[in-house]
């Protein structure tokens, strides 16, 4: 099981220590100025850092998007979710029988009726529509990137599948 520990670093920022199922240990320090430092530790000596990378805010967000699947979604994954306390980001594939196909985000009243937000749409050819507007229509085969609390995201998925709540 993956373990993540968080701790405040007064005057610096916040520290995240990740112990992966593989046994790898990774530490991410998010500085108050937006910089991120990522440290990878030796499996044999968990106190010995073997590499370190510093990223500015923009670089960190791009890398997060890559790791999180915004740049490329492996074919084996049709639904992925990521949790941030109460908020989740979930990738949701629009199947051929979904009632919302051909209906715009605005006409579905996604945000108003579910509280969730469609933050991106990934087309079959991996082209991304980031922050799609209310006129954007849901299309078969798209992967929708949904953001909200878990119950809001579940409601949004029902809306996309059923066409109404």
Protein backbone atom coordinates (compact mmCIF):
# COMPACT_ATOMS: atom_id res chain seq x y z
CA UNK A 1 0.00 0.00 0.00
CA UNK A 2 1.22 3.50 -0.81
CA UNK A 3 1.80 5.69 2.24
CA UNK A 4 1.79 9.48 2.02
CA UNK A 5 2.74 11.63 4.99
CA UNK A 6 2.36 15.40 5.04
CA UNK A 7 4.02 17.90 7.32
CA UNK A 8 4.28 21.68 7.49
CA UNK A 9 7.70 23.27 7.10
CA UNK A 10 7.25 26.67 8.80
CA UNK A 11 8.69 29.47 6.70
CA UNK A 12 9.36 27.06 3.83
CA UNK A 13 6.15 25.31 2.75
CA UNK A 14 4.87 21.74 3.00
CA UNK A 15 6.58 18.36 2.78
CA UNK A 16 5.04 15.22 1.26
CA UNK A 17 6.75 11.89 1.86
CA UNK A 18 5.60 9.05 -0.39
CA UNK A 19 6.47 5.41 0.20
CA UNK A 20 5.42 3.50 -2.91
CA UNK A 21 4.35 -0.15 -3.05
CA UNK A 22 7.63 -0.81 -4.87
CA UNK A 23 9.55 0.27 -1.77
CA UNK A 24 10.74 3.51 -3.36
CA UNK A 25 10.71 6.63 -1.20
CA UNK A 26 10.01 10.03 -2.71
CA UNK A 27 9.88 13.38 -0.94
CA UNK A 28 8.24 16.44 -2.50
CA UNK A 29 8.70 19.84 -0.90
CA UNK A 30 6.30 22.54 -2.08
CA UNK A 31 7.86 25.90 -1.24
CA UNK A 32 5.70 28.92 -0.41
CA UNK A 33 7.17 30.67 -3.49
CA UNK A 34 5.80 27.93 -5.80
CA UNK A 35 9.03 25.96 -6.33
CA UNK A 36 8.93 22.21 -5.92
CA UNK A 37 11.84 20.00 -4.95
CA UNK A 38 11.59 16.27 -5.57
CA UNK A 39 13.96 13.87 -3.82
CA UNK A 40 14.34 10.16 -4.57
CA UNK A 41 15.88 7.97 -1.86
CA UNK A 42 17.95 4.80 -2.05
CA UNK A 43 15.97 1.62 -1.23
CA UNK A 44 19.01 0.19 0.58
CA UNK A 45 19.58 3.36 2.65
CA UNK A 46 16.28 5.25 3.09
CA UNK A 47 18.10 8.24 4.59
CA UNK A 48 20.33 8.73 1.53
CA UNK A 49 18.94 10.87 -1.31
CA UNK A 50 20.16 9.60 -4.69
CA UNK A 51 18.64 12.33 -6.86
CA UNK A 52 16.92 15.70 -6.65
CA UNK A 53 15.01 17.85 -9.15
CA UNK A 54 13.81 21.44 -8.71
CA UNK A 55 10.80 22.64 -10.73
CA UNK A 56 9.10 26.02 -10.89
CA UNK A 57 5.30 26.19 -10.53
CA UNK A 58 4.58 25.92 -14.27
CA UNK A 59 6.96 22.99 -14.74
CA UNK A 60 5.52 21.20 -11.71
CA UNK A 61 1.97 21.54 -13.03
CA UNK A 62 3.02 20.20 -16.44
CA UNK A 63 4.78 17.23 -14.86
CA UNK A 64 1.71 16.62 -12.65
CA UNK A 65 -0.45 16.60 -15.79
CA UNK A 66 1.86 14.10 -17.45
CA UNK A 67 2.00 11.82 -14.44
CA UNK A 68 -1.74 12.22 -13.85
CA UNK A 69 -2.61 11.26 -17.42
CA UNK A 70 -3.55 14.62 -18.95
CA UNK A 71 -0.92 14.30 -21.71
CA UNK A 72 -1.38 10.59 -22.42
CA UNK A 73 -3.86 8.12 -21.04
CA UNK A 74 -2.66 4.52 -21.23
CA UNK A 75 -5.03 2.43 -23.31
CA UNK A 76 -5.57 0.00 -20.42
CA UNK A 77 -7.04 2.76 -18.24
CA UNK A 78 -10.55 3.93 -19.00
CA UNK A 79 -11.29 5.30 -15.55
CA UNK A 80 -8.73 6.72 -13.15
CA UNK A 81 -9.25 8.78 -10.06
CA UNK A 82 -7.01 10.97 -7.92
CA UNK A 83 -7.97 12.22 -4.46
CA UNK A 84 -7.08 15.54 -2.81
CA UNK A 85 -8.71 15.49 0.64
CA UNK A 86 -12.42 15.87 -0.23
CA UNK A 87 -11.82 16.62 -3.93
CA UNK A 88 -11.31 13.99 -6.62
CA UNK A 89 -10.27 14.13 -10.25
CA UNK A 90 -11.63 11.26 -12.29
CA UNK A 91 -11.19 10.23 -15.92
CA UNK A 92 -14.48 8.96 -17.35
CA UNK A 93 -14.95 7.44 -20.81
CA UNK A 94 -18.13 8.29 -22.75
CA UNK A 95 -19.53 4.97 -24.00
CA UNK A 96 -21.69 4.64 -27.18
CA UNK A 97 -25.01 4.24 -25.32
CA UNK A 98 -24.66 7.31 -23.06
CA UNK A 99 -27.65 9.67 -23.31
CA UNK A 100 -25.55 12.87 -23.05
CA UNK A 101 -23.84 12.25 -26.41
CA UNK A 102 -24.44 15.25 -28.65
CA UNK A 103 -25.63 17.46 -25.77
CA UNK A 104 -23.60 20.51 -24.72
CA UNK A 105 -22.14 20.90 -21.23
CA UNK A 106 -24.31 24.00 -20.77
CA UNK A 107 -27.52 22.24 -21.79
CA UNK A 108 -26.72 19.43 -19.35
CA UNK A 109 -26.25 22.02 -16.57
CA UNK A 110 -23.34 19.91 -15.32
CA UNK A 111 -22.02 22.29 -12.67
CA UNK A 112 -25.44 23.54 -11.53
CA UNK A 113 -27.07 20.13 -11.24
CA UNK A 114 -24.12 18.07 -9.91
CA UNK A 115 -21.58 20.53 -8.47
CA UNK A 116 -18.83 18.82 -10.49
CA UNK A 117 -16.83 20.44 -13.27
CA UNK A 118 -15.59 18.99 -16.56
CA UNK A 119 -12.04 20.35 -16.56
CA UNK A 120 -10.90 18.67 -19.77
CA UNK A 121 -11.98 16.39 -22.59
CA UNK A 122 -9.57 14.03 -24.31
CA UNK A 123 -10.48 12.99 -27.84
CA UNK A 124 -9.79 9.56 -29.32
CA UNK A 125 -6.64 10.92 -31.02
CA UNK A 126 -5.34 12.15 -27.61
CA UNK A 127 -6.09 15.80 -28.53
CA UNK A 128 -7.08 17.66 -25.37
CA UNK A 129 -9.71 20.31 -24.81
CA UNK A 130 -8.73 22.02 -21.56
CA UNK A 131 -11.51 23.83 -19.66
CA UNK A 132 -14.23 23.19 -22.25
CA UNK A 133 -16.93 25.84 -22.47
CA UNK A 134 -20.70 25.41 -22.10
CA UNK A 135 -21.15 25.02 -25.88
CA UNK A 136 -18.83 22.00 -26.06
CA UNK A 137 -20.80 18.85 -26.81
CA UNK A 138 -20.19 15.47 -25.22
CA UNK A 139 -19.07 12.98 -27.84
CA UNK A 140 -18.76 9.21 -27.93
CA UNK A 141 -15.29 7.96 -27.06
CA UNK A 142 -14.20 11.17 -25.32
CA UNK A 143 -12.59 10.80 -21.95
CA UNK A 144 -13.94 13.46 -19.60
CA UNK A 145 -11.76 14.72 -16.76
CA UNK A 146 -14.15 15.47 -13.89
CA UNK A 147 -13.40 17.49 -10.76
CA UNK A 148 -15.46 17.67 -7.59
CA UNK A 149 -16.23 15.97 -4.32
CA UNK A 150 -16.72 12.21 -4.74
CA UNK A 151 -20.55 12.41 -4.61
CA UNK A 152 -20.57 15.31 -7.10
CA UNK A 153 -18.42 13.33 -9.53
CA UNK A 154 -20.70 10.29 -9.14
CA UNK A 155 -23.72 12.49 -9.91
CA UNK A 156 -21.94 13.93 -12.97
CA UNK A 157 -21.20 10.42 -14.25
CA UNK A 158 -24.88 9.50 -13.82
CA UNK A 159 -25.86 12.68 -15.70
CA UNK A 160 -23.53 11.88 -18.60
CA UNK A 161 -24.73 8.26 -18.76
CA UNK A 162 -28.47 8.91 -18.29
CA UNK A 163 -28.79 12.40 -19.83
CA UNK A 164 -30.57 13.66 -16.70
CA UNK A 165 -30.61 13.12 -12.95
